[in-house]
C-alpha atoms as a PDB file:
ATOM      1  CA  UNK A   1     111.797  61.877  88.007  1.00  0.00           C
ATOM      2  CA  UNK A   2     108.240  63.191  88.114  1.00  0.00           C
ATOM      3  CA  UNK A   3     107.279  66.815  88.378  1.00  0.00           C
ATOM      4  CA  UNK A   4     106.145  66.145  91.974  1.00  0.00           C
ATOM      5  CA  UNK A   5     109.542  64.892  93.093  1.00  0.00           C
ATOM      6  CA  UNK A   6     111.233  67.763  91.222  1.00  0.00           C
ATOM      7  CA  UNK A   7     109.336  70.359  93.210  1.00  0.00           C
ATOM      8  CA  UNK A   8     110.834  70.942  96.666  1.00  0.00           C
ATOM      9  CA  UNK A   9     109.357  73.813  98.670  1.00  0.00           C
ATOM     10  CA  UNK A  10     110.765  73.044 102.154  1.00  0.00           C
ATOM     11  CA  UNK A  11     114.304  72.273 103.362  1.00  0.00           C
ATOM     12  CA  UNK A  12     115.985  72.278 106.776  1.00  0.00           C
ATOM     13  CA  UNK A  13     119.716  73.023 106.705  1.00  0.00           C
ATOM     14  CA  UNK A  14     122.431  73.191 109.365  1.00  0.00           C
ATOM     15  CA  UNK A  15     124.461  76.357 108.730  1.00  0.00           C
ATOM     16  CA  UNK A  16     127.906  76.764 110.284  1.00  0.00           C
ATOM     17  CA  UNK A  17     129.730  80.045 109.797  1.00  0.00           C
ATOM     18  CA  UNK A  18     133.533  80.362 109.978  1.00  0.00           C
ATOM     19  CA  UNK A  19     135.596  81.264 113.039  1.00  0.00           C
ATOM     20  CA  UNK A  20     137.367  84.617 112.940  1.00  0.00           C
ATOM     21  CA  UNK A  21     141.169  84.551 112.732  1.00  0.00           C
ATOM     22  CA  UNK A  22     143.156  85.602 115.798  1.00  0.00           C
ATOM     23  CA  UNK A  23     144.966  88.958 115.901  1.00  0.00           C
ATOM     24  CA  UNK A  24     148.771  88.948 115.859  1.00  0.00           C
ATOM     25  CA  UNK A  25     150.864  89.935 118.890  1.00  0.00           C
ATOM     26  CA  UNK A  26     153.989  90.519 116.757  1.00  0.00           C
ATOM     27  CA  UNK A  27     156.555  93.191 117.698  1.00  0.00           C
ATOM     28  CA  UNK A  28     158.450  94.924 114.915  1.00  0.00           C
ATOM     29  CA  UNK A  29     161.996  93.635 114.397  1.00  0.00           C
ATOM     30  CA  UNK A  30     164.495  94.262 111.585  1.00  0.00           C
ATOM     31  CA  UNK A  31     168.238  94.789 111.064  1.00  0.00           C
ATOM     32  CA  UNK A  32     168.073  98.317 112.444  1.00  0.00           C
ATOM     33  CA  UNK A  33     165.416  97.749 115.121  1.00  0.00           C
ATOM     34  CA  UNK A  34     165.917  95.308 117.971  1.00  0.00           C
ATOM     35  CA  UNK A  35     163.003  96.477 120.112  1.00  0.00           C
ATOM     36  CA  UNK A  36     160.290  97.871 117.880  1.00  0.00           C
ATOM     37  CA  UNK A  37     156.670  98.591 118.679  1.00  0.00           C
ATOM     38  CA  UNK A  38     153.625  96.377 118.077  1.00  0.00           C
ATOM     39  CA  UNK A  39     152.845  95.670 114.419  1.00  0.00           C
ATOM     40  CA  UNK A  40     150.500  92.694 114.696  1.00  0.00           C
ATOM     41  CA  UNK A  41     147.678  92.732 112.129  1.00  0.00           C
ATOM     42  CA  UNK A  42     144.008  91.849 112.662  1.00  0.00           C
ATOM     43  CA  UNK A  43     142.564  88.404 112.019  1.00  0.00           C
ATOM     44  CA  UNK A  44     140.228  87.926 109.052  1.00  0.00           C
ATOM     45  CA  UNK A  45     136.517  87.480 109.712  1.00  0.00           C
ATOM     46  CA  UNK A  46     135.012  84.045 109.432  1.00  0.00           C
ATOM     47  CA  UNK A  47     132.964  83.186 106.341  1.00  0.00           C
ATOM     48  CA  UNK A  48     129.223  83.932 106.323  1.00  0.00           C
ATOM     49  CA  UNK A  49     126.475  81.617 105.100  1.00  0.00           C
ATOM     50  CA  UNK A  50     124.639  83.831 102.583  1.00  0.00           C
ATOM     51  CA  UNK A  51     121.223  83.717 100.911  1.00  0.00           C
ATOM     52  CA  UNK A  52     120.722  84.996  97.374  1.00  0.00           C
ATOM     53  CA  UNK A  53     117.530  85.324  95.334  1.00  0.00           C
ATOM     54  CA  UNK A  54     117.612  83.796  91.850  1.00  0.00           C
ATOM     55  CA  UNK A  55     114.646  84.391  89.520  1.00  0.00           C
ATOM     56  CA  UNK A  56     115.717  81.422  87.348  1.00  0.00           C
ATOM     57  CA  UNK A  57     114.973  78.941  90.150  1.00  0.00           C
ATOM     58  CA  UNK A  58     111.465  77.674  90.910  1.00  0.00           C
ATOM     59  CA  UNK A  59     112.253  74.879  93.373  1.00  0.00           C
ATOM     60  CA  UNK A  60     114.756  74.096  96.155  1.00  0.00           C
ATOM     61  CA  UNK A  61     115.579  70.670  94.745  1.00  0.00           C
ATOM     62  CA  UNK A  62     119.289  71.616  94.571  1.00  0.00           C
ATOM     63  CA  UNK A  63     119.294  72.088  98.376  1.00  0.00           C
ATOM     64  CA  UNK A  64     117.315  68.956  99.258  1.00  0.00           C
ATOM     65  CA  UNK A  65     120.371  66.820 100.060  1.00  0.00           C
ATOM     66  CA  UNK A  66     122.622  69.643 101.263  1.00  0.00           C
ATOM     67  CA  UNK A  67     122.040  69.186 104.988  1.00  0.00           C
ATOM     68  CA  UNK A  68     125.216  70.890 106.256  1.00  0.00           C
ATOM     69  CA  UNK A  69     126.667  74.123 104.913  1.00  0.00           C
ATOM     70  CA  UNK A  70     130.052  75.061 106.369  1.00  0.00           C
ATOM     71  CA  UNK A  71     131.768  78.389 105.655  1.00  0.00           C
ATOM     72  CA  UNK A  72     135.561  78.849 105.864  1.00  0.00           C
ATOM     73  CA  UNK A  73     137.543  80.136 108.879  1.00  0.00           C
ATOM     74  CA  UNK A  74     139.349  83.470 108.748  1.00  0.00           C
ATOM     75  CA  UNK A  75     143.180  83.489 108.764  1.00  0.00           C
ATOM     76  CA  UNK A  76     145.221  84.939 111.630  1.00  0.00           C
ATOM     77  CA  UNK A  77     146.806  88.368 111.341  1.00  0.00           C
ATOM     78  CA  UNK A  78     150.559  88.625 110.834  1.00  0.00           C
ATOM     79  CA  UNK A  79     153.447  91.080 111.162  1.00  0.00           C
ATOM     80  CA  UNK A  80     153.725  94.486 109.440  1.00  0.00           C
ATOM     81  CA  UNK A  81     150.060  95.163 110.300  1.00  0.00           C
ATOM     82  CA  UNK A  82     148.975  92.549 107.737  1.00  0.00           C
ATOM     83  CA  UNK A  83     145.377  91.454 108.185  1.00  0.00           C
ATOM     84  CA  UNK A  84     144.399  87.805 107.851  1.00  0.00           C
ATOM     85  CA  UNK A  85     142.418  86.597 104.871  1.00  0.00           C
ATOM     86  CA  UNK A  86     138.608  86.566 105.179  1.00  0.00           C
ATOM     87  CA  UNK A  87     137.047  83.100 105.431  1.00  0.00           C
ATOM     88  CA  UNK A  88     135.231  81.659 102.394  1.00  0.00           C
ATOM     89  CA  UNK A  89     131.527  82.607 102.267  1.00  0.00           C
ATOM     90  CA  UNK A  90     129.020  79.862 101.391  1.00  0.00           C
ATOM     91  CA  UNK A  91     126.115  80.885  99.122  1.00  0.00           C
ATOM     92  CA  UNK A  92     122.642  79.379  99.039  1.00  0.00           C
ATOM     93  CA  UNK A  93     120.723  80.437  95.931  1.00  0.00           C
ATOM     94  CA  UNK A  94     116.955  80.255  96.394  1.00  0.00           C
ATOM     95  CA  UNK A  95     113.815  80.953  94.317  1.00  0.00           C
ATOM     96  CA  UNK A  96     111.941  84.219  94.783  1.00  0.00           C
ATOM     97  CA  UNK A  97     109.276  83.844  97.446  1.00  0.00           C
ATOM     98  CA  UNK A  98     111.578  81.953  99.841  1.00  0.00           C
ATOM     99  CA  UNK A  99     111.260  82.614 103.572  1.00  0.00           C
ATOM    100  CA  UNK A 100     114.113  81.786 105.992  1.00  0.00           C
ATOM    101  CA  UNK A 101     113.059  80.852 109.534  1.00  0.00           C
ATOM    102  CA  UNK A 102     114.851  80.035 112.768  1.00  0.00           C
ATOM    103  CA  UNK A 103     114.092  76.314 113.198  1.00  0.00           C
ATOM    104  CA  UNK A 104     113.748  76.560 116.998  1.00  0.00           C
ATOM    105  CA  UNK A 105     111.622  79.690 117.404  1.00  0.00           C
ATOM    106  CA  UNK A 106     109.902  79.742 113.996  1.00  0.00           C
ATOM    107  CA  UNK A 107     110.850  83.442 113.723  1.00  0.00           C
ATOM    108  CA  UNK A 108     111.051  84.778 110.157  1.00  0.00           C
ATOM    109  CA  UNK A 109     114.621  85.947 109.485  1.00  0.00           C
ATOM    110  CA  UNK A 110     114.335  87.035 105.837  1.00  0.00           C
ATOM    111  CA  UNK A 111     111.999  87.023 102.855  1.00  0.00           C
ATOM    112  CA  UNK A 112     113.643  86.805  99.445  1.00  0.00           C
ATOM    113  CA  UNK A 113     111.439  88.588  96.903  1.00  0.00           C
ATOM    114  CA  UNK A 114     113.787  90.116  94.290  1.00  0.00           C
ATOM    115  CA  UNK A 115     116.400  88.732  91.920  1.00  0.00           C
ATOM    116  CA  UNK A 116     119.921  89.221  93.292  1.00  0.00           C
ATOM    117  CA  UNK A 117     118.716  90.086  96.831  1.00  0.00           C
ATOM    118  CA  UNK A 118     121.421  88.986  99.291  1.00  0.00           C
ATOM    119  CA  UNK A 119     121.158  88.427 103.044  1.00  0.00           C
ATOM    120  CA  UNK A 120     123.545  87.113 105.691  1.00  0.00           C
ATOM    121  CA  UNK A 121     121.892  83.957 107.005  1.00  0.00           C
ATOM    122  CA  UNK A 122     124.559  82.938 109.547  1.00  0.00           C
ATOM    123  CA  UNK A 123     127.177  85.538 110.369  1.00  0.00           C
ATOM    124  CA  UNK A 124     130.861  84.610 110.502  1.00  0.00           C
ATOM    125  CA  UNK A 125     132.903  85.282 113.661  1.00  0.00           C
ATOM    126  CA  UNK A 126     134.751  88.610 113.859  1.00  0.00           C
ATOM    127  CA  UNK A 127     138.510  88.572 113.436  1.00  0.00           C
ATOM    128  CA  UNK A 128     140.548  89.412 116.565  1.00  0.00           C
ATOM    129  CA  UNK A 129     142.379  92.754 116.773  1.00  0.00           C
ATOM    130  CA  UNK A 130     146.162  92.762 116.551  1.00  0.00           C
ATOM    131  CA  UNK A 131     148.350  94.136 119.381  1.00  0.00           C
ATOM    132  CA  UNK A 132     148.759  97.477 117.570  1.00  0.00           C
ATOM    133  CA  UNK A 133     145.224  98.363 118.779  1.00  0.00           C
ATOM    134  CA  UNK A 134     146.234  97.964 122.433  1.00  0.00           C
ATOM    135  CA  UNK A 135     149.211 100.319 122.488  1.00  0.00           C
ATOM    136  CA  UNK A 136     148.870 103.074 125.127  1.00  0.00           C
ATOM    137  CA  UNK A 137     151.202 105.750 126.524  1.00  0.00           C
ATOM    138  CA  UNK A 138     151.834 103.527 129.550  1.00  0.00           C
ATOM    139  CA  UNK A 139     152.035 100.251 127.619  1.00  0.00           C
ATOM    140  CA  UNK A 140     154.097 100.850 124.482  1.00  0.00           C
ATOM    141  CA  UNK A 141     154.657  97.165 123.618  1.00  0.00           C
ATOM    142  CA  UNK A 142     151.568  95.091 124.361  1.00  0.00           C
ATOM    143  CA  UNK A 143     152.427  91.416 123.921  1.00  0.00           C
ATOM    144  CA  UNK A 144     148.859  90.240 123.552  1.00  0.00           C
ATOM    145  CA  UNK A 145     146.187  90.311 120.854  1.00  0.00           C
ATOM    146  CA  UNK A 146     142.530  89.445 120.640  1.00  0.00           C
ATOM    147  CA  UNK A 147     141.481  85.908 119.700  1.00  0.00           C
ATOM    148  CA  UNK A 148     139.022  85.454 116.820  1.00  0.00           C
ATOM    149  CA  UNK A 149     135.327  85.097 117.567  1.00  0.00           C
ATOM    150  CA  UNK A 150     133.816  81.633 117.155  1.00  0.00           C
ATOM    151  CA  UNK A 151     131.444  80.986 114.277  1.00  0.00           C
ATOM    152  CA  UNK A 152     127.794  80.032 114.817  1.00  0.00           C
ATOM    153  CA  UNK A 153     126.021  76.776 114.134  1.00  0.00           C
ATOM    154  CA  UNK A 154     122.240  76.850 113.685  1.00  0.00           C
ATOM    155  CA  UNK A 155     119.458  74.991 111.924  1.00  0.00           C
ATOM    156  CA  UNK A 156     117.500  77.104 109.464  1.00  0.00           C
ATOM    157  CA  UNK A 157     114.265  76.323 107.620  1.00  0.00           C
ATOM    158  CA  UNK A 158     113.882  77.559 104.040  1.00  0.00           C
ATOM    159  CA  UNK A 159     110.281  77.573 102.866  1.00  0.00           C
ATOM    160  CA  UNK A 160     109.023  78.538  99.421  1.00  0.00           C
ATOM    161  CA  UNK A 161     105.744  80.406  98.958  1.00  0.00           C
ATOM    162  CA  UNK A 162     104.923  80.769  95.286  1.00  0.00           C
ATOM    163  CA  UNK A 163     104.807  84.378  94.071  1.00  0.00           C
ATOM    164  CA  UNK A 164     101.865  84.916  91.722  1.00  0.00           C
ATOM    165  CA  UNK A 165      99.285  87.611  91.031  1.00  0.00           C
ATOM    166  CA  UNK A 166      96.343  85.187  91.006  1.00  0.00           C
ATOM    167  CA  UNK A 167      95.965  82.020  93.078  1.00  0.00           C
ATOM    168  CA  UNK A 168      93.364  79.429  92.051  1.00  0.00           C
ATOM    169  CA  UNK A 169      91.382  78.129  95.022  1.00  0.00           C
ATOM    170  CA  UNK A 170      89.053  75.144  94.731  1.00  0.00           C
ATOM    171  CA  UNK A 171      88.419  71.525  95.554  1.00  0.00           C
ATOM    172  CA  UNK A 172      90.266  68.900  93.511  1.00  0.00           C
ATOM    173  CA  UNK A 173      88.984  68.289  89.991  1.00  0.00           C
ATOM    174  CA  UNK A 174      87.072  71.575  89.459  1.00  0.00           C
ATOM    175  CA  UNK A 175      88.999  72.562  86.332  1.00  0.00           C
ATOM    176  CA  UNK A 176      91.825  74.722  87.725  1.00  0.00           C
ATOM    177  CA  UNK A 177      94.551  73.038  85.678  1.00  0.00           C
ATOM    178  CA  UNK A 178      92.389  73.146  82.548  1.00  0.00           C
ATOM    179  CA  UNK A 179      91.806  76.881  82.988  1.00  0.00           C
ATOM    180  CA  UNK A 180      95.542  77.523  83.422  1.00  0.00           C
ATOM    181  CA  UNK A 181      96.348  75.509  80.283  1.00  0.00           C
ATOM    182  CA  UNK A 182      93.790  77.562  78.293  1.00  0.00           C
ATOM    183  CA  UNK A 183      94.772  81.068  79.475  1.00  0.00           C
ATOM    184  CA  UNK A 184      98.567  80.553  79.479  1.00  0.00           C
ATOM    185  CA  UNK A 185     101.318  78.501  77.889  1.00  0.00           C
ATOM    186  CA  UNK A 186     101.652  76.347  81.050  1.00  0.00           C
ATOM    187  CA  UNK A 187     101.101  72.620  80.521  1.00  0.00           C
ATOM    188  CA  UNK A 188      99.913  71.222  83.874  1.00  0.00           C
ATOM    189  CA  UNK A 189      99.001  67.550  84.149  1.00  0.00           C
ATOM    190  CA  UNK A 190      95.226  67.231  83.660  1.00  0.00           C
ATOM    191  CA  UNK A 191      93.096  64.192  84.445  1.00  0.00           C
ATOM    192  CA  UNK A 192      89.647  63.464  85.806  1.00  0.00           C
ATOM    193  CA  UNK A 193      90.657  62.398  89.318  1.00  0.00           C
ATOM    194  CA  UNK A 194      91.473  64.133  92.557  1.00  0.00           C
ATOM    195  CA  UNK A 195      94.933  65.522  93.279  1.00  0.00           C
ATOM    196  CA  UNK A 196      96.233  65.418  89.712  1.00  0.00           C
ATOM    197  CA  UNK A 197      98.058  68.622  90.681  1.00  0.00           C
ATOM    198  CA  UNK A 198     100.552  67.812  93.424  1.00  0.00           C
ATOM    199  CA  UNK A 199     102.736  70.897  93.040  1.00  0.00           C
ATOM    200  CA  UNK A 200     102.023  74.536  92.124  1.00  0.00           C
ATOM    201  CA  UNK A 201     102.022  75.307  88.405  1.00  0.00           C
ATOM    202  CA  UNK A 202     102.688  78.865  87.264  1.00  0.00           C
ATOM    203  CA  UNK A 203     101.442  80.322  84.008  1.00  0.00           C
ATOM    204  CA  UNK A 204     101.851  83.773  82.446  1.00  0.00           C
ATOM    205  CA  UNK A 205      98.461  84.997  81.245  1.00  0.00           C
ATOM    206  CA  UNK A 206      98.570  87.372  78.270  1.00  0.00           C
ATOM    207  CA  UNK A 207      96.229  90.355  78.610  1.00  0.00           C
ATOM    208  CA  UNK A 208      95.278  93.303  76.393  1.00  0.00           C
ATOM    209  CA  UNK A 209      97.990  95.733  75.096  1.00  0.00           C
ATOM    210  CA  UNK A 210     100.855  93.286  75.667  1.00  0.00           C
ATOM    211  CA  UNK A 211     100.276  93.247  79.412  1.00  0.00           C
ATOM    212  CA  UNK A 212     100.373  90.038  81.436  1.00  0.00           C
ATOM    213  CA  UNK A 213      99.966  88.590  84.915  1.00  0.00           C
ATOM    214  CA  UNK A 214     101.017  85.379  86.678  1.00  0.00           C
ATOM    215  CA  UNK A 215      98.466  82.749  87.678  1.00  0.00           C
ATOM    216  CA  UNK A 216      99.207  79.831  90.024  1.00  0.00           C
ATOM    217  CA  UNK A 217      97.315  76.553  89.917  1.00  0.00           C
ATOM    218  CA  UNK A 218      97.863  75.168  93.396  1.00  0.00           C
ATOM    219  CA  UNK A 219      97.001  71.669  94.700  1.00  0.00           C
ATOM    220  CA  UNK A 220      93.255  71.343  95.367  1.00  0.00           C
ATOM    221  CA  UNK A 221      91.946  72.114  98.819  1.00  0.00           C
ATOM    222  CA  UNK A 222      89.824  69.618 100.782  1.00  0.00           C
ATOM    223  CA  UNK A 223      87.725  70.042 103.894  1.00  0.00           C
ATOM    224  CA  UNK A 224      90.099  69.930 106.858  1.00  0.00           C
ATOM    225  CA  UNK A 225      93.085  71.263 104.848  1.00  0.00           C
ATOM    226  CA  UNK A 226      93.778  73.912 107.516  1.00  0.00           C
ATOM    227  CA  UNK A 227      94.161  71.024 110.019  1.00  0.00           C
ATOM    228  CA  UNK A 228      96.711  69.386 107.749  1.00  0.00           C
ATOM    229  CA  UNK A 229      94.444  66.901 105.936  1.00  0.00           C
ATOM    230  CA  UNK A 230      95.315  65.900 102.373  1.00  0.00           C
ATOM    231  CA  UNK A 231      97.956  68.264 100.981  1.00  0.00           C
ATOM    232  CA  UNK A 232      96.654  70.684 103.635  1.00  0.00           C
ATOM    233  CA  UNK A 233      99.167  73.148 104.994  1.00  0.00           C
ATOM    234  CA  UNK A 234     101.574  72.625 102.123  1.00  0.00           C
ATOM    235  CA  UNK A 235      98.863  73.859  99.748  1.00  0.00           C
ATOM    236  CA  UNK A 236      97.696  76.755 101.906  1.00  0.00           C
ATOM    237  CA  UNK A 237     101.212  78.155 102.315  1.00  0.00           C
ATOM    238  CA  UNK A 238     101.319  79.019  98.601  1.00  0.00           C
ATOM    239  CA  UNK A 239      98.035  80.965  98.756  1.00  0.00           C
ATOM    240  CA  UNK A 240      99.492  83.553 101.161  1.00  0.00           C
ATOM    241  CA  UNK A 241     101.569  85.351  98.525  1.00  0.00           C
ATOM    242  CA  UNK A 242      98.879  85.716  95.844  1.00  0.00           C
ATOM    243  CA  UNK A 243      97.441  89.203  95.230  1.00  0.00           C
ATOM    244  CA  UNK A 244      93.994  87.980  94.156  1.00  0.00           C
ATOM    245  CA  UNK A 245      92.213  84.731  95.044  1.00  0.00           C
ATOM    246  CA  UNK A 246      90.164  83.171  92.240  1.00  0.00           C
ATOM    247  CA  UNK A 247      87.681  80.717  93.742  1.00  0.00           C
ATOM    248  CA  UNK A 248      86.511  77.997  91.359  1.00  0.00           C
ATOM    249  CA  UNK A 249      83.272  76.105  91.893  1.00  0.00           C
ATOM    250  CA  UNK A 250      81.998  73.718  89.190  1.00  0.00           C
ATOM    251  CA  UNK A 251      78.496  74.135  87.785  1.00  0.00           C
ATOM    252  CA  UNK A 252      77.853  70.430  88.488  1.00  0.00           C
ATOM    253  CA  UNK A 253      78.667  70.721  92.218  1.00  0.00           C
ATOM    254  CA  UNK A 254      76.614  68.433  94.493  1.00  0.00           C
ATOM    255  CA  UNK A 255      76.299  71.318  96.987  1.00  0.00           C
ATOM    256  CA  UNK A 256      75.079  74.818  96.212  1.00  0.00           C
ATOM    257  CA  UNK A 257      77.639  77.296  94.878  1.00  0.00           C
ATOM    258  CA  UNK A 258      77.406  79.327  98.110  1.00  0.00           C
ATOM    259  CA  UNK A 259      77.958  76.229 100.309  1.00  0.00           C
ATOM    260  CA  UNK A 260      81.045  75.190  98.361  1.00  0.00           C
ATOM    261  CA  UNK A 261      82.436  78.741  98.372  1.00  0.00           C
ATOM    262  CA  UNK A 262      81.857  79.080 102.135  1.00  0.00           C
ATOM    263  CA  UNK A 263      83.692  75.816 102.888  1.00  0.00           C
ATOM    264  CA  UNK A 264      86.711  77.006 100.868  1.00  0.00           C
ATOM    265  CA  UNK A 265      86.592  80.389 102.604  1.00  0.00           C
ATOM    266  CA  UNK A 266      86.391  78.795 106.065  1.00  0.00           C
ATOM    267  CA  UNK A 267      89.497  76.661 105.381  1.00  0.00           C
ATOM    268  CA  UNK A 268      91.471  79.752 104.364  1.00  0.00           C
ATOM    269  CA  UNK A 269      90.277  81.708 107.401  1.00  0.00           C
ATOM    270  CA  UNK A 270      91.195  78.850 109.789  1.00  0.00           C
ATOM    271  CA  UNK A 271      94.679  78.748 108.311  1.00  0.00           C
ATOM    272  CA  UNK A 272      95.341  82.500 108.230  1.00  0.00           C
ATOM    273  CA  UNK A 273      92.634  85.135 108.939  1.00  0.00           C
ATOM    274  CA  UNK A 274      94.709  87.742 107.041  1.00  0.00           C
ATOM    275  CA  UNK A 275      93.804  85.976 103.788  1.00  0.00           C
ATOM    276  CA  UNK A 276      90.294  87.374 104.221  1.00  0.00           C
ATOM    277  CA  UNK A 277      91.605  90.836 103.242  1.00  0.00           C
ATOM    278  CA  UNK A 278      92.652  89.744  99.739  1.00  0.00           C
ATOM    279  CA  UNK A 279      90.399  90.543  96.743  1.00  0.00           C
ATOM    280  CA  UNK A 280      88.251  87.527  95.799  1.00  0.00           C
ATOM    281  CA  UNK A 281      86.597  86.559  92.505  1.00  0.00           C
ATOM    282  CA  UNK A 282      84.362  83.558  91.849  1.00  0.00           C
ATOM    283  CA  UNK A 283      84.429  81.545  88.622  1.00  0.00           C
ATOM    284  CA  UNK A 284      81.690  78.957  88.068  1.00  0.00           C
ATOM    285  CA  UNK A 285      83.497  76.418  85.862  1.00  0.00           C
ATOM    286  CA  UNK A 286      82.147  73.768  83.484  1.00  0.00           C
ATOM    287  CA  UNK A 287      79.262  76.119  82.651  1.00  0.00           C
ATOM    288  CA  UNK A 288      79.039  74.802  79.083  1.00  0.00           C
ATOM    289  CA  UNK A 289      76.770  72.204  80.764  1.00  0.00           C
ATOM    290  CA  UNK A 290      74.205  74.961  81.488  1.00  0.00           C
ATOM    291  CA  UNK A 291      71.585  76.516  79.223  1.00  0.00           C
ATOM    292  CA  UNK A 292      70.591  80.184  79.624  1.00  0.00           C
ATOM    293  CA  UNK A 293      67.656  79.411  81.911  1.00  0.00           C
ATOM    294  CA  UNK A 294      69.750  77.298  84.284  1.00  0.00           C
ATOM    295  CA  UNK A 295      72.546  79.906  84.289  1.00  0.00           C
ATOM    296  CA  UNK A 296      70.054  82.624  85.297  1.00  0.00           C
ATOM    297  CA  UNK A 297      68.666  80.358  88.037  1.00  0.00           C
ATOM    298  CA  UNK A 298      72.147  79.586  89.441  1.00  0.00           C
ATOM    299  CA  UNK A 299      73.150  83.270  89.310  1.00  0.00           C
ATOM    300  CA  UNK A 300      70.481  83.989  91.950  1.00  0.00           C
ATOM    301  CA  UNK A 301      72.307  81.841  94.510  1.00  0.00           C
ATOM    302  CA  UNK A 302      75.831  83.176  93.883  1.00  0.00           C
ATOM    303  CA  UNK A 303      77.431  84.791  96.994  1.00  0.00           C
ATOM    304  CA  UNK A 304      78.030  88.544  97.076  1.00  0.00           C
ATOM    305  CA  UNK A 305      81.309  88.967  95.176  1.00  0.00           C
ATOM    306  CA  UNK A 306      82.353  89.515  91.518  1.00  0.00           C
ATOM    307  CA  UNK A 307      81.630  86.326  89.560  1.00  0.00           C
ATOM    308  CA  UNK A 308      81.653  84.946  86.044  1.00  0.00           C
ATOM    309  CA  UNK A 309      80.375  81.721  84.438  1.00  0.00           C
ATOM    310  CA  UNK A 310      83.198  80.111  82.462  1.00  0.00           C
ATOM    311  CA  UNK A 311      84.009  77.052  80.414  1.00  0.00           C
ATOM    312  CA  UNK A 312      87.663  76.432  79.641  1.00  0.00           C
ATOM    313  CA  UNK A 313      86.784  73.788  77.062  1.00  0.00           C
ATOM    314  CA  UNK A 314      84.237  75.977  75.227  1.00  0.00           C
ATOM    315  CA  UNK A 315      86.289  79.175  75.808  1.00  0.00           C
ATOM    316  CA  UNK A 316      83.210  80.725  77.406  1.00  0.00           C
ATOM    317  CA  UNK A 317      83.631  83.768  79.700  1.00  0.00           C
ATOM    318  CA  UNK A 318      87.446  83.610  79.568  1.00  0.00           C
ATOM    319  CA  UNK A 319      88.016  87.217  78.430  1.00  0.00           C
ATOM    320  CA  UNK A 320      85.455  88.470  80.947  1.00  0.00           C
ATOM    321  CA  UNK A 321      87.335  86.573  83.669  1.00  0.00           C
ATOM    322  CA  UNK A 322      90.673  88.107  82.589  1.00  0.00           C
ATOM    323  CA  UNK A 323      89.115  91.587  82.742  1.00  0.00           C
ATOM    324  CA  UNK A 324      87.824  90.986  86.279  1.00  0.00           C
ATOM    325  CA  UNK A 325      91.214  89.669  87.411  1.00  0.00           C
ATOM    326  CA  UNK A 326      93.163  92.539  85.868  1.00  0.00           C
ATOM    327  CA  UNK A 327      90.918  95.102  87.597  1.00  0.00           C
ATOM    328  CA  UNK A 328      91.557  93.405  90.957  1.00  0.00           C
ATOM    329  CA  UNK A 329      95.325  93.155  90.445  1.00  0.00           C
ATOM    330  CA  UNK A 330      95.876  96.794  89.495  1.00  0.00           C
END
């Protein structure tokens, strides 16, 4: 199975919580008591469908074929004020960065961002109250109890947005994967054709004084991505969670650096205008092709933002780039 088919960042699941158990309408009877009072216990609540964050997961592959999740029903109450057993909860473990949405309204229900974070995705039905709750001065022996509440059935969308400090933004084949392989221990697939990267790759970048930050190499953007072209919206979703956006434009671009940067920026703005508030840095890649004179000439046409000329192959400008990124992150 390829890395692409291993990476699942979107699943739609039908969640059904358990029905609550009915309360008991039992009246106390024993050898010495022929007409005792109410001693019916409460029903147990139905099982919840629960979400739990797990920092060891990076994909939702394990949920891809789990289309229906059904929690257990609560047991009925019984005599001697005994409560029914709670229904079995069903747990869905998800990677950090997962968003749960209502499939009909699109409303965000939860965002899972920390390891061990737990949320009730679909709540189980409440257990019914036993007849002991309904005893009054005028009705000493109520012969009725509350039924359990029905569980819920709903379709939920789970969507993963990669959590990283730095997101690499650029057209296909500008050297994003190469940069990640040079600055971290990540080993993304690298080749000289478009869309080599089909899934996000994360790498931990070592910085000075044993500090580090996380960089994400995300599938390359193309013109029209915000309209869903190419890998389009699937790519752009992962950009939303990055603290800093590192735009990469190759030195051998057929357009000017500013033109290429502006096209990338426009795609992000079309998709989500809030992305415009994130810190941005520009790296001009493949700059080992340039001599000093050409570098100085190209620097004149760079847009107004922090920039650095880099070459991953020649290790040129890499430390300077790390310094710029670290300043923006902290």
